[in-house]
């Protein structure tokens, strides 16, 4: 092997080592070799999760579940009231139709 070939091999090894170091730097060792990019993104999101939640004004699952637990009973009561109002509206409409029919019958009976 000549000196030039040796230098080329050394430069190639340095480039590969630098590339591997740059790719895996800052990792906590939870990288999956079979899917390095996805595991790197997952690791980033895990580290920055609290900041992202605060920055985007999002809520955590526990807060959403607490909100749901507080509001579901209220919504159920509102749905029951809406069902009662719809039944009242239906009955009221039927009664109104009957009254209009009676008025029309009375108007026909009254001489002008």
PDB file of N, CA and C in Angstrom:
ATOM      1  N   UNK A   1       0.862  -1.157   0.000  1.00  0.00           N
ATOM      2  CA  UNK A   1       0.000   0.000   0.000  1.00  0.00           C
ATOM      3  C   UNK A   1       0.918   1.231   0.000  1.00  0.00           C
ATOM      4  N   UNK A   2       0.559   2.151  -0.844  1.00  0.00           N
ATOM      5  CA  UNK A   2       1.364   3.364  -0.942  1.00  0.00           C
ATOM      6  C   UNK A   2       0.906   4.377   0.104  1.00  0.00           C
ATOM      7  N   UNK A   3       1.655   5.432   0.190  1.00  0.00           N
ATOM      8  CA  UNK A   3       1.328   6.480   1.162  1.00  0.00           C
ATOM      9  C   UNK A   3       0.011   7.158   0.791  1.00  0.00           C
ATOM     10  N   UNK A   4      -0.233   7.363  -0.480  1.00  0.00           N
ATOM     11  CA  UNK A   4      -1.471   8.010  -0.915  1.00  0.00           C
ATOM     12  C   UNK A   4      -2.675   7.121  -0.584  1.00  0.00           C
ATOM     13  N   UNK A   5      -2.558   5.834  -0.823  1.00  0.00           N
ATOM     14  CA  UNK A   5      -3.653   4.916  -0.480  1.00  0.00           C
ATOM     15  C   UNK A   5      -3.895   4.908   1.020  1.00  0.00           C
ATOM     16  N   UNK A   6      -2.853   4.929   1.799  1.00  0.00           N
ATOM     17  CA  UNK A   6      -2.981   4.969   3.254  1.00  0.00           C
ATOM     18  C   UNK A   6      -3.662   6.240   3.738  1.00  0.00           C
ATOM     19  N   UNK A   7      -3.286   7.372   3.135  1.00  0.00           N
ATOM     20  CA  UNK A   7      -3.934   8.633   3.487  1.00  0.00           C
ATOM     21  C   UNK A   7      -5.416   8.628   3.101  1.00  0.00           C
ATOM     22  N   UNK A   8      -5.738   8.086   1.936  1.00  0.00           N
ATOM     23  CA  UNK A   8      -7.132   8.003   1.502  1.00  0.00           C
ATOM     24  C   UNK A   8      -7.956   7.125   2.443  1.00  0.00           C
ATOM     25  N   UNK A   9      -7.396   5.995   2.867  1.00  0.00           N
ATOM     26  CA  UNK A   9      -8.091   5.121   3.815  1.00  0.00           C
ATOM     27  C   UNK A   9      -8.267   5.845   5.138  1.00  0.00           C
ATOM     28  N   UNK A  10      -7.245   6.556   5.600  1.00  0.00           N
ATOM     29  CA  UNK A  10      -7.328   7.304   6.850  1.00  0.00           C
ATOM     30  C   UNK A  10      -8.388   8.408   6.751  1.00  0.00           C
ATOM     31  N   UNK A  11      -8.399   9.127   5.644  1.00  0.00           N
ATOM     32  CA  UNK A  11      -9.416  10.181   5.448  1.00  0.00           C
ATOM     33  C   UNK A  11     -10.804   9.559   5.401  1.00  0.00           C
ATOM     34  N   UNK A  12     -10.954   8.425   4.741  1.00  0.00           N
ATOM     35  CA  UNK A  12     -12.252   7.744   4.673  1.00  0.00           C
ATOM     36  C   UNK A  12     -12.716   7.314   6.067  1.00  0.00           C
ATOM     37  N   UNK A  13     -11.816   6.790   6.864  1.00  0.00           N
ATOM     38  CA  UNK A  13     -12.160   6.388   8.236  1.00  0.00           C
ATOM     39  C   UNK A  13     -12.556   7.611   9.056  1.00  0.00           C
ATOM     40  N   UNK A  14     -11.841   8.720   8.907  1.00  0.00           N
ATOM     41  CA  UNK A  14     -12.171   9.947   9.645  1.00  0.00           C
ATOM     42  C   UNK A  14     -13.540  10.473   9.229  1.00  0.00           C
ATOM     43  N   UNK A  15     -13.824  10.450   7.945  1.00  0.00           N
ATOM     44  CA  UNK A  15     -15.135  10.924   7.462  1.00  0.00           C
ATOM     45  C   UNK A  15     -16.258  10.044   8.010  1.00  0.00           C
ATOM     46  N   UNK A  16     -16.075   8.754   7.983  1.00  0.00           N
ATOM     47  CA  UNK A  16     -17.097   7.841   8.512  1.00  0.00           C
ATOM     48  C   UNK A  16     -17.272   8.049  10.016  1.00  0.00           C
ATOM     49  N   UNK A  17     -16.174   8.183  10.736  1.00  0.00           N
ATOM     50  CA  UNK A  17     -16.262   8.397  12.182  1.00  0.00           C
ATOM     51  C   UNK A  17     -16.948   9.728  12.486  1.00  0.00           C
ATOM     52  N   UNK A  18     -16.606  10.774  11.745  1.00  0.00           N
ATOM     53  CA  UNK A  18     -17.257  12.062  11.958  1.00  0.00           C
ATOM     54  C   UNK A  18     -18.752  11.986  11.656  1.00  0.00           C
ATOM     55  N   UNK A  19     -19.105  11.304  10.574  1.00  0.00           N
ATOM     56  CA  UNK A  19     -20.514  11.155  10.205  1.00  0.00           C
ATOM     57  C   UNK A  19     -21.280  10.409  11.289  1.00  0.00           C
ATOM     58  N   UNK A  20     -20.729   9.320  11.793  1.00  0.00           N
ATOM     59  CA  UNK A  20     -21.382   8.565  12.862  1.00  0.00           C
ATOM     60  C   UNK A  20     -21.495   9.397  14.135  1.00  0.00           C
ATOM     61  N   UNK A  21     -20.397  10.108  14.474  1.00  0.00           N
ATOM     62  CA  UNK A  21     -20.449  10.961  15.671  1.00  0.00           C
ATOM     63  C   UNK A  21     -21.510  12.039  15.512  1.00  0.00           C
ATOM     64  N   UNK A  22     -21.541  12.720  14.362  1.00  0.00           N
ATOM     65  CA  UNK A  22     -22.508  13.792  14.146  1.00  0.00           C
ATOM     66  C   UNK A  22     -23.933  13.260  14.190  1.00  0.00           C
ATOM     67  N   UNK A  23     -24.148  12.079  13.625  1.00  0.00           N
ATOM     68  CA  UNK A  23     -25.501  11.506  13.581  1.00  0.00           C
ATOM     69  C   UNK A  23     -25.988  11.097  14.970  1.00  0.00           C
ATOM     70  N   UNK A  24     -25.097  10.513  15.774  1.00  0.00           N
ATOM     71  CA  UNK A  24     -25.507   9.994  17.078  1.00  0.00           C
ATOM     72  C   UNK A  24     -25.188  10.927  18.248  1.00  0.00           C
ATOM     73  N   UNK A  25     -24.662  12.113  18.003  1.00  0.00           N
ATOM     74  CA  UNK A  25     -24.282  12.998  19.108  1.00  0.00           C
ATOM     75  C   UNK A  25     -25.514  13.455  19.879  1.00  0.00           C
ATOM     76  N   UNK A  26     -25.356  13.611  21.160  1.00  0.00           N
ATOM     77  CA  UNK A  26     -26.436  14.089  22.000  1.00  0.00           C
ATOM     78  C   UNK A  26     -27.490  13.048  22.307  1.00  0.00           C
ATOM     79  N   UNK A  27     -27.299  11.831  21.845  1.00  0.00           N
ATOM     80  CA  UNK A  27     -28.318  10.815  22.096  1.00  0.00           C
ATOM     81  C   UNK A  27     -28.113  10.205  23.473  1.00  0.00           C
ATOM     82  N   UNK A  28     -29.187   9.678  24.005  1.00  0.00           N
ATOM     83  CA  UNK A  28     -29.101   9.052  25.330  1.00  0.00           C
ATOM     84  C   UNK A  28     -28.925   7.548  25.208  1.00  0.00           C
ATOM     85  N   UNK A  29     -28.686   7.073  24.025  1.00  0.00           N
ATOM     86  CA  UNK A  29     -28.463   5.643  23.845  1.00  0.00           C
ATOM     87  C   UNK A  29     -29.733   4.860  23.592  1.00  0.00           C
ATOM     88  N   UNK A  30     -30.858   5.543  23.382  1.00  0.00           N
ATOM     89  CA  UNK A  30     -32.106   4.838  23.130  1.00  0.00           C
ATOM     90  C   UNK A  30     -32.403   4.748  21.635  1.00  0.00           C
ATOM     91  N   UNK A  31     -31.384   4.885  20.812  1.00  0.00           N
ATOM     92  CA  UNK A  31     -31.588   4.839  19.378  1.00  0.00           C
ATOM     93  C   UNK A  31     -31.775   3.398  18.917  1.00  0.00           C
ATOM     94  N   UNK A  32     -32.678   3.243  17.988  1.00  0.00           N
ATOM     95  CA  UNK A  32     -32.929   1.933  17.404  1.00  0.00           C
ATOM     96  C   UNK A  32     -32.193   1.877  16.071  1.00  0.00           C
ATOM     97  N   UNK A  33     -31.305   0.941  15.920  1.00  0.00           N
ATOM     98  CA  UNK A  33     -30.478   0.855  14.724  1.00  0.00           C
ATOM     99  C   UNK A  33     -31.331   0.577  13.490  1.00  0.00           C
ATOM    100  N   UNK A  34     -32.436  -0.148  13.647  1.00  0.00           N
ATOM    101  CA  UNK A  34     -33.262  -0.488  12.484  1.00  0.00           C
ATOM    102  C   UNK A  34     -34.069   0.710  11.992  1.00  0.00           C
ATOM    103  N   UNK A  35     -34.307   1.675  12.852  1.00  0.00           N
ATOM    104  CA  UNK A  35     -35.020   2.899  12.450  1.00  0.00           C
ATOM    105  C   UNK A  35     -34.399   4.097  13.166  1.00  0.00           C
ATOM    106  N   UNK A  36     -33.209   4.493  12.738  1.00  0.00           N
ATOM    107  CA  UNK A  36     -32.477   5.537  13.463  1.00  0.00           C
ATOM    108  C   UNK A  36     -33.145   6.903  13.398  1.00  0.00           C
ATOM    109  N   UNK A  37     -33.706   7.272  12.259  1.00  0.00           N
ATOM    110  CA  UNK A  37     -34.307   8.596  12.141  1.00  0.00           C
ATOM    111  C   UNK A  37     -35.548   8.727  13.021  1.00  0.00           C
ATOM    112  N   UNK A  38     -36.424   7.725  12.980  1.00  0.00           N
ATOM    113  CA  UNK A  38     -37.637   7.782  13.795  1.00  0.00           C
ATOM    114  C   UNK A  38     -37.316   7.789  15.279  1.00  0.00           C
ATOM    115  N   UNK A  39     -36.336   6.965  15.683  1.00  0.00           N
ATOM    116  CA  UNK A  39     -35.986   6.928  17.105  1.00  0.00           C
ATOM    117  C   UNK A  39     -35.339   8.244  17.528  1.00  0.00           C
ATOM    118  N   UNK A  40     -34.625   8.876  16.641  1.00  0.00           N
ATOM    119  CA  UNK A  40     -34.018  10.175  16.948  1.00  0.00           C
ATOM    120  C   UNK A  40     -35.107  11.231  17.127  1.00  0.00           C
ATOM    121  N   UNK A  41     -36.132  11.211  16.276  1.00  0.00           N
ATOM    122  CA  UNK A  41     -37.258  12.147  16.404  1.00  0.00           C
ATOM    123  C   UNK A  41     -38.014  11.880  17.696  1.00  0.00           C
ATOM    124  N   UNK A  42     -38.257  10.605  18.003  1.00  0.00           N
ATOM    125  CA  UNK A  42     -38.932  10.260  19.253  1.00  0.00           C
ATOM    126  C   UNK A  42     -38.161  10.775  20.457  1.00  0.00           C
ATOM    127  N   UNK A  43     -36.843  10.610  20.418  1.00  0.00           N
ATOM    128  CA  UNK A  43     -36.016  11.073  21.533  1.00  0.00           C
ATOM    129  C   UNK A  43     -36.098  12.587  21.671  1.00  0.00           C
ATOM    130  N   UNK A  44     -36.058  13.295  20.540  1.00  0.00           N
ATOM    131  CA  UNK A  44     -36.162  14.755  20.579  1.00  0.00           C
ATOM    132  C   UNK A  44     -37.497  15.188  21.182  1.00  0.00           C
ATOM    133  N   UNK A  45     -38.586  14.574  20.732  1.00  0.00           N
ATOM    134  CA  UNK A  45     -39.906  14.937  21.249  1.00  0.00           C
ATOM    135  C   UNK A  45     -40.032  14.622  22.733  1.00  0.00           C
ATOM    136  N   UNK A  46     -39.420  13.514  23.171  1.00  0.00           N
ATOM    137  CA  UNK A  46     -39.450  13.187  24.596  1.00  0.00           C
ATOM    138  C   UNK A  46     -38.733  14.252  25.424  1.00  0.00           C
ATOM    139  N   UNK A  47     -37.599  14.730  24.915  1.00  0.00           N
ATOM    140  CA  UNK A  47     -36.845  15.737  25.660  1.00  0.00           C
ATOM    141  C   UNK A  47     -37.535  17.094  25.652  1.00  0.00           C
ATOM    142  N   UNK A  48     -38.203  17.435  24.560  1.00  0.00           N
ATOM    143  CA  UNK A  48     -38.789  18.767  24.403  1.00  0.00           C
ATOM    144  C   UNK A  48     -40.297  18.779  24.652  1.00  0.00           C
ATOM    145  N   UNK A  49     -40.864  17.692  25.171  1.00  0.00           N
ATOM    146  CA  UNK A  49     -42.319  17.565  25.297  1.00  0.00           C
ATOM    147  C   UNK A  49     -42.921  18.679  26.154  1.00  0.00           C
ATOM    148  N   UNK A  50     -42.358  18.925  27.323  1.00  0.00           N
ATOM    149  CA  UNK A  50     -42.896  19.954  28.217  1.00  0.00           C
ATOM    150  C   UNK A  50     -42.867  21.330  27.563  1.00  0.00           C
ATOM    151  N   UNK A  51     -41.777  21.619  26.868  1.00  0.00           N
ATOM    152  CA  UNK A  51     -41.668  22.912  26.200  1.00  0.00           C
ATOM    153  C   UNK A  51     -42.710  23.027  25.073  1.00  0.00           C
ATOM    154  N   UNK A  52     -42.906  21.969  24.314  1.00  0.00           N
ATOM    155  CA  UNK A  52     -43.877  21.996  23.221  1.00  0.00           C
ATOM    156  C   UNK A  52     -45.294  22.173  23.744  1.00  0.00           C
ATOM    157  N   UNK A  53     -45.619  21.489  24.836  1.00  0.00           N
ATOM    158  CA  UNK A  53     -46.957  21.618  25.429  1.00  0.00           C
ATOM    159  C   UNK A  53     -47.195  23.074  25.846  1.00  0.00           C
ATOM    160  N   UNK A  54     -46.210  23.662  26.494  1.00  0.00           N
ATOM    161  CA  UNK A  54     -46.362  25.042  26.957  1.00  0.00           C
ATOM    162  C   UNK A  54     -46.402  26.015  25.782  1.00  0.00           C
ATOM    163  N   UNK A  55     -45.518  25.818  24.808  1.00  0.00           N
ATOM    164  CA  UNK A  55     -45.425  26.735  23.677  1.00  0.00           C
ATOM    165  C   UNK A  55     -46.694  26.706  22.822  1.00  0.00           C
ATOM    166  N   UNK A  56     -47.245  25.528  22.603  1.00  0.00           N
ATOM    167  CA  UNK A  56     -48.423  25.398  21.733  1.00  0.00           C
ATOM    168  C   UNK A  56     -49.726  25.505  22.519  1.00  0.00           C
ATOM    169  N   UNK A  57     -49.650  25.770  23.800  1.00  0.00           N
ATOM    170  CA  UNK A  57     -50.832  25.910  24.668  1.00  0.00           C
ATOM    171  C   UNK A  57     -51.718  24.671  24.600  1.00  0.00           C
ATOM    172  N   UNK A  58     -51.114  23.530  24.699  1.00  0.00           N
ATOM    173  CA  UNK A  58     -51.838  22.263  24.687  1.00  0.00           C
ATOM    174  C   UNK A  58     -52.114  21.821  26.119  1.00  0.00           C
ATOM    175  N   UNK A  59     -52.937  20.793  26.277  1.00  0.00           N
ATOM    176  CA  UNK A  59     -53.206  20.248  27.600  1.00  0.00           C
ATOM    177  C   UNK A  59     -52.724  18.809  27.646  1.00  0.00           C
ATOM    178  N   UNK A  60     -52.424  18.368  28.826  1.00  0.00           N
ATOM    179  CA  UNK A  60     -51.994  16.987  29.017  1.00  0.00           C
ATOM    180  C   UNK A  60     -53.216  16.077  29.088  1.00  0.00           C
ATOM    181  N   UNK A  61     -52.979  14.797  28.911  1.00  0.00           N
ATOM    182  CA  UNK A  61     -54.060  13.815  28.929  1.00  0.00           C
ATOM    183  C   UNK A  61     -54.819  13.843  30.262  1.00  0.00           C
ATOM    184  N   UNK A  62     -54.084  13.980  31.368  1.00  0.00           N
ATOM    185  CA  UNK A  62     -54.745  13.992  32.676  1.00  0.00           C
ATOM    186  C   UNK A  62     -55.663  15.207  32.810  1.00  0.00           C
ATOM    187  N   UNK A  63     -55.231  16.353  32.270  1.00  0.00           N
ATOM    188  CA  UNK A  63     -56.080  17.541  32.323  1.00  0.00           C
ATOM    189  C   UNK A  63     -57.316  17.359  31.443  1.00  0.00           C
ATOM    190  N   UNK A  64     -57.139  16.752  30.283  1.00  0.00           N
ATOM    191  CA  UNK A  64     -58.282  16.515  29.391  1.00  0.00           C
ATOM    192  C   UNK A  64     -59.267  15.533  30.027  1.00  0.00           C
ATOM    193  N   UNK A  65     -58.742  14.492  30.677  1.00  0.00           N
ATOM    194  CA  UNK A  65     -59.625  13.519  31.332  1.00  0.00           C
ATOM    195  C   UNK A  65     -60.357  14.161  32.512  1.00  0.00           C
ATOM    196  N   UNK A  66     -59.675  15.018  33.250  1.00  0.00           N
ATOM    197  CA  UNK A  66     -60.321  15.716  34.365  1.00  0.00           C
ATOM    198  C   UNK A  66     -61.432  16.627  33.838  1.00  0.00           C
ATOM    199  N   UNK A  67     -61.167  17.341  32.761  1.00  0.00           N
ATOM    200  CA  UNK A  67     -62.190  18.199  32.152  1.00  0.00           C
ATOM    201  C   UNK A  67     -63.378  17.361  31.692  1.00  0.00           C
ATOM    202  N   UNK A  68     -63.091  16.219  31.049  1.00  0.00           N
ATOM    203  CA  UNK A  68     -64.169  15.342  30.578  1.00  0.00           C
ATOM    204  C   UNK A  68     -64.987  14.815  31.751  1.00  0.00           C
ATOM    205  N   UNK A  69     -64.314  14.398  32.817  1.00  0.00           N
ATOM    206  CA  UNK A  69     -65.031  13.870  33.987  1.00  0.00           C
ATOM    207  C   UNK A  69     -65.925  14.929  34.626  1.00  0.00           C
ATOM    208  N   UNK A  70     -65.487  16.179  34.593  1.00  0.00           N
ATOM    209  CA  UNK A  70     -66.300  17.259  35.170  1.00  0.00           C
ATOM    210  C   UNK A  70     -67.474  17.622  34.270  1.00  0.00           C
ATOM    211  N   UNK A  71     -67.273  17.599  32.963  1.00  0.00           N
ATOM    212  CA  UNK A  71     -68.269  18.132  32.037  1.00  0.00           C
ATOM    213  C   UNK A  71     -69.249  17.086  31.499  1.00  0.00           C
ATOM    214  N   UNK A  72     -68.899  15.816  31.506  1.00  0.00           N
ATOM    215  CA  UNK A  72     -69.804  14.798  30.961  1.00  0.00           C
ATOM    216  C   UNK A  72     -71.129  14.751  31.725  1.00  0.00           C
ATOM    217  N   UNK A  73     -71.136  14.794  33.058  1.00  0.00           N
ATOM    218  CA  UNK A  73     -72.435  14.805  33.748  1.00  0.00           C
ATOM    219  C   UNK A  73     -73.279  16.034  33.399  1.00  0.00           C
ATOM    220  N   UNK A  74     -72.627  17.184  33.268  1.00  0.00           N
ATOM    221  CA  UNK A  74     -73.363  18.390  32.886  1.00  0.00           C
ATOM    222  C   UNK A  74     -73.943  18.260  31.488  1.00  0.00           C
ATOM    223  N   UNK A  75     -73.157  17.699  30.580  1.00  0.00           N
ATOM    224  CA  UNK A  75     -73.645  17.506  29.216  1.00  0.00           C
ATOM    225  C   UNK A  75     -74.789  16.500  29.179  1.00  0.00           C
ATOM    226  N   UNK A  76     -74.715  15.472  30.001  1.00  0.00           N
ATOM    227  CA  UNK A  76     -75.802  14.484  30.048  1.00  0.00           C
ATOM    228  C   UNK A  76     -77.090  15.140  30.544  1.00  0.00           C
ATOM    229  N   UNK A  77     -76.959  15.999  31.562  1.00  0.00           N
ATOM    230  CA  UNK A  77     -78.148  16.717  32.051  1.00  0.00           C
ATOM    231  C   UNK A  77     -78.711  17.626  30.966  1.00  0.00           C
ATOM    232  N   UNK A  78     -77.834  18.306  30.250  1.00  0.00           N
ATOM    233  CA  UNK A  78     -78.290  19.188  29.177  1.00  0.00           C
ATOM    234  C   UNK A  78     -78.988  18.391  28.075  1.00  0.00           C
ATOM    235  N   UNK A  79     -78.465  17.219  27.756  1.00  0.00           N
ATOM    236  CA  UNK A  79     -79.106  16.380  26.741  1.00  0.00           C
ATOM    237  C   UNK A  79     -80.486  15.918  27.205  1.00  0.00           C
ATOM    238  N   UNK A  80     -80.609  15.591  28.484  1.00  0.00           N
ATOM    239  CA  UNK A  80     -81.926  15.209  29.009  1.00  0.00           C
ATOM    240  C   UNK A  80     -82.901  16.377  28.910  1.00  0.00           C
ATOM    241  N   UNK A  81     -82.430  17.578  29.249  1.00  0.00           N
ATOM    242  CA  UNK A  81     -83.300  18.754  29.150  1.00  0.00           C
ATOM    243  C   UNK A  81     -83.681  19.037  27.704  1.00  0.00           C
ATOM    244  N   UNK A  82     -82.732  18.835  26.786  1.00  0.00           N
ATOM    245  CA  UNK A  82     -83.044  19.040  25.366  1.00  0.00           C
ATOM    246  C   UNK A  82     -84.090  18.039  24.884  1.00  0.00           C
ATOM    247  N   UNK A  83     -83.973  16.795  25.326  1.00  0.00           N
ATOM    248  CA  UNK A  83     -84.964  15.791  24.950  1.00  0.00           C
ATOM    249  C   UNK A  83     -86.334  16.171  25.504  1.00  0.00           C
ATOM    250  N   UNK A  84     -86.379  16.662  26.741  1.00  0.00           N
ATOM    251  CA  UNK A  84     -87.645  17.089  27.332  1.00  0.00           C
ATOM    252  C   UNK A  84     -88.219  18.285  26.577  1.00  0.00           C
ATOM    253  N   UNK A  85     -87.362  19.225  26.194  1.00  0.00           N
ATOM    254  CA  UNK A  85     -87.830  20.382  25.429  1.00  0.00           C
ATOM    255  C   UNK A  85     -88.360  19.976  24.053  1.00  0.00           C
ATOM    256  N   UNK A  86     -87.711  19.020  23.409  1.00  0.00           N
ATOM    257  CA  UNK A  86     -88.190  18.554  22.106  1.00  0.00           C
ATOM    258  C   UNK A  86     -89.536  17.858  22.238  1.00  0.00           C
ATOM    259  N   UNK A  87     -89.702  17.080  23.299  1.00  0.00           N
ATOM    260  CA  UNK A  87     -91.001  16.426  23.535  1.00  0.00           C
ATOM    261  C   UNK A  87     -92.069  17.483  23.798  1.00  0.00           C
ATOM    262  N   UNK A  88     -91.722  18.516  24.578  1.00  0.00           N
ATOM    263  CA  UNK A  88     -92.668  19.599  24.838  1.00  0.00           C
ATOM    264  C   UNK A  88     -93.018  20.322  23.540  1.00  0.00           C
ATOM    265  N   UNK A  89     -92.018  20.573  22.707  1.00  0.00           N
ATOM    266  CA  UNK A  89     -92.256  21.253  21.432  1.00  0.00           C
ATOM    267  C   UNK A  89     -93.195  20.443  20.553  1.00  0.00           C
ATOM    268  N   UNK A  90     -92.988  19.145  20.515  1.00  0.00           N
ATOM    269  CA  UNK A  90     -93.848  18.271  19.711  1.00  0.00           C
ATOM    270  C   UNK A  90     -95.282  18.302  20.249  1.00  0.00           C
ATOM    271  N   UNK A  91     -95.445  18.143  21.564  1.00  0.00           N
ATOM    272  CA  UNK A  91     -96.782  18.169  22.173  1.00  0.00           C
ATOM    273  C   UNK A  91     -97.441  19.529  21.970  1.00  0.00           C
ATOM    274  N   UNK A  92     -96.663  20.596  22.124  1.00  0.00           N
ATOM    275  CA  UNK A  92     -97.200  21.942  21.962  1.00  0.00           C
ATOM    276  C   UNK A  92     -97.669  22.165  20.522  1.00  0.00           C
ATOM    277  N   UNK A  93     -96.878  21.685  19.568  1.00  0.00           N
ATOM    278  CA  UNK A  93     -97.258  21.809  18.154  1.00  0.00           C
ATOM    279  C   UNK A  93     -98.549  21.064  17.847  1.00  0.00           C
ATOM    280  N   UNK A  94     -98.676  19.849  18.399  1.00  0.00           N
ATOM    281  CA  UNK A  94     -99.903  19.071  18.186  1.00  0.00           C
ATOM    282  C   UNK A  94    -101.107  19.772  18.813  1.00  0.00           C
ATOM    283  N   UNK A  95    -100.932  20.296  20.023  1.00  0.00           N
ATOM    284  CA  UNK A  95    -102.029  21.011  20.694  1.00  0.00           C
ATOM    285  C   UNK A  95    -102.400  22.268  19.912  1.00  0.00           C
ATOM    286  N   UNK A  96    -101.406  22.978  19.401  1.00  0.00           N
ATOM    287  CA  UNK A  96    -101.659  24.174  18.609  1.00  0.00           C
ATOM    288  C   UNK A  96    -102.440  23.829  17.346  1.00  0.00           C
ATOM    289  N   UNK A  97    -102.088  22.746  16.696  1.00  0.00           N
ATOM    290  CA  UNK A  97    -102.829  22.321  15.495  1.00  0.00           C
ATOM    291  C   UNK A  97    -104.274  21.999  15.839  1.00  0.00           C
ATOM    292  N   UNK A  98    -104.495  21.310  16.966  1.00  0.00           N
ATOM    293  CA  UNK A  98    -105.866  20.990  17.376  1.00  0.00           C
ATOM    294  C   UNK A  98    -106.665  22.269  17.659  1.00  0.00           C
ATOM    295  N   UNK A  99    -106.025  23.234  18.321  1.00  0.00           N
ATOM    296  CA  UNK A  99    -106.710  24.495  18.615  1.00  0.00           C
ATOM    297  C   UNK A  99    -107.045  25.253  17.336  1.00  0.00           C
ATOM    298  N   UNK A 100    -106.134  25.247  16.367  1.00  0.00           N
ATOM    299  CA  UNK A 100    -106.406  25.916  15.096  1.00  0.00           C
ATOM    300  C   UNK A 100    -107.570  25.250  14.361  1.00  0.00           C
ATOM    301  N   UNK A 101    -107.614  23.918  14.421  1.00  0.00           N
ATOM    302  CA  UNK A 101    -108.733  23.208  13.801  1.00  0.00           C
ATOM    303  C   UNK A 101    -110.045  23.575  14.483  1.00  0.00           C
ATOM    304  N   UNK A 102    -110.046  23.675  15.800  1.00  0.00           N
ATOM    305  CA  UNK A 102    -111.261  24.056  16.528  1.00  0.00           C
ATOM    306  C   UNK A 102    -111.690  25.477  16.186  1.00  0.00           C
ATOM    307  N   UNK A 103    -110.696  26.394  16.054  1.00  0.00           N
ATOM    308  CA  UNK A 103    -111.017  27.770  15.692  1.00  0.00           C
ATOM    309  C   UNK A 103    -111.653  27.816  14.308  1.00  0.00           C
ATOM    310  N   UNK A 104    -111.075  27.074  13.370  1.00  0.00           N
ATOM    311  CA  UNK A 104    -111.636  27.041  12.025  1.00  0.00           C
ATOM    312  C   UNK A 104    -113.060  26.476  12.042  1.00  0.00           C
ATOM    313  N   UNK A 105    -113.287  25.445  12.835  1.00  0.00           N
ATOM    314  CA  UNK A 105    -114.642  24.862  12.917  1.00  0.00           C
ATOM    315  C   UNK A 105    -115.603  25.875  13.531  1.00  0.00           C
ATOM    316  N   UNK A 106    -115.161  26.600  14.558  1.00  0.00           N
ATOM    317  CA  UNK A 106    -116.019  27.620  15.169  1.00  0.00           C
ATOM    318  C   UNK A 106    -116.307  28.768  14.206  1.00  0.00           C
ATOM    319  N   UNK A 107    -115.303  29.186  13.422  1.00  0.00           N
ATOM    320  CA  UNK A 107    -115.503  30.262  12.461  1.00  0.00           C
ATOM    321  C   UNK A 107    -116.520  29.868  11.388  1.00  0.00           C
ATOM    322  N   UNK A 108    -116.528  28.577  11.024  1.00  0.00           N
ATOM    323  CA  UNK A 108    -117.504  28.106  10.036  1.00  0.00           C
ATOM    324  C   UNK A 108    -118.908  28.091  10.623  1.00  0.00           C
ATOM    325  N   UNK A 109    -119.019  27.863  11.913  1.00  0.00           N
ATOM    326  CA  UNK A 109    -120.328  27.784  12.549  1.00  0.00           C
ATOM    327  C   UNK A 109    -120.927  29.163  12.812  1.00  0.00           C
ATOM    328  N   UNK A 110    -120.103  30.158  13.031  1.00  0.00           N
ATOM    329  CA  UNK A 110    -120.602  31.502  13.329  1.00  0.00           C
ATOM    330  C   UNK A 110    -121.058  32.191  12.048  1.00  0.00           C
ATOM    331  N   UNK A 111    -122.327  32.708  12.021  1.00  0.00           N
ATOM    332  CA  UNK A 111    -122.789  33.397  10.811  1.00  0.00           C
ATOM    333  C   UNK A 111    -122.175  34.798  10.717  1.00  0.00           C
ATOM    334  N   UNK A 112    -122.026  35.260   9.530  1.00  0.00           N
ATOM    335  CA  UNK A 112    -121.438  36.599   9.335  1.00  0.00           C
ATOM    336  C   UNK A 112    -122.456  37.600   9.042  1.00  0.00           C
TER     337      UNK A 112
END
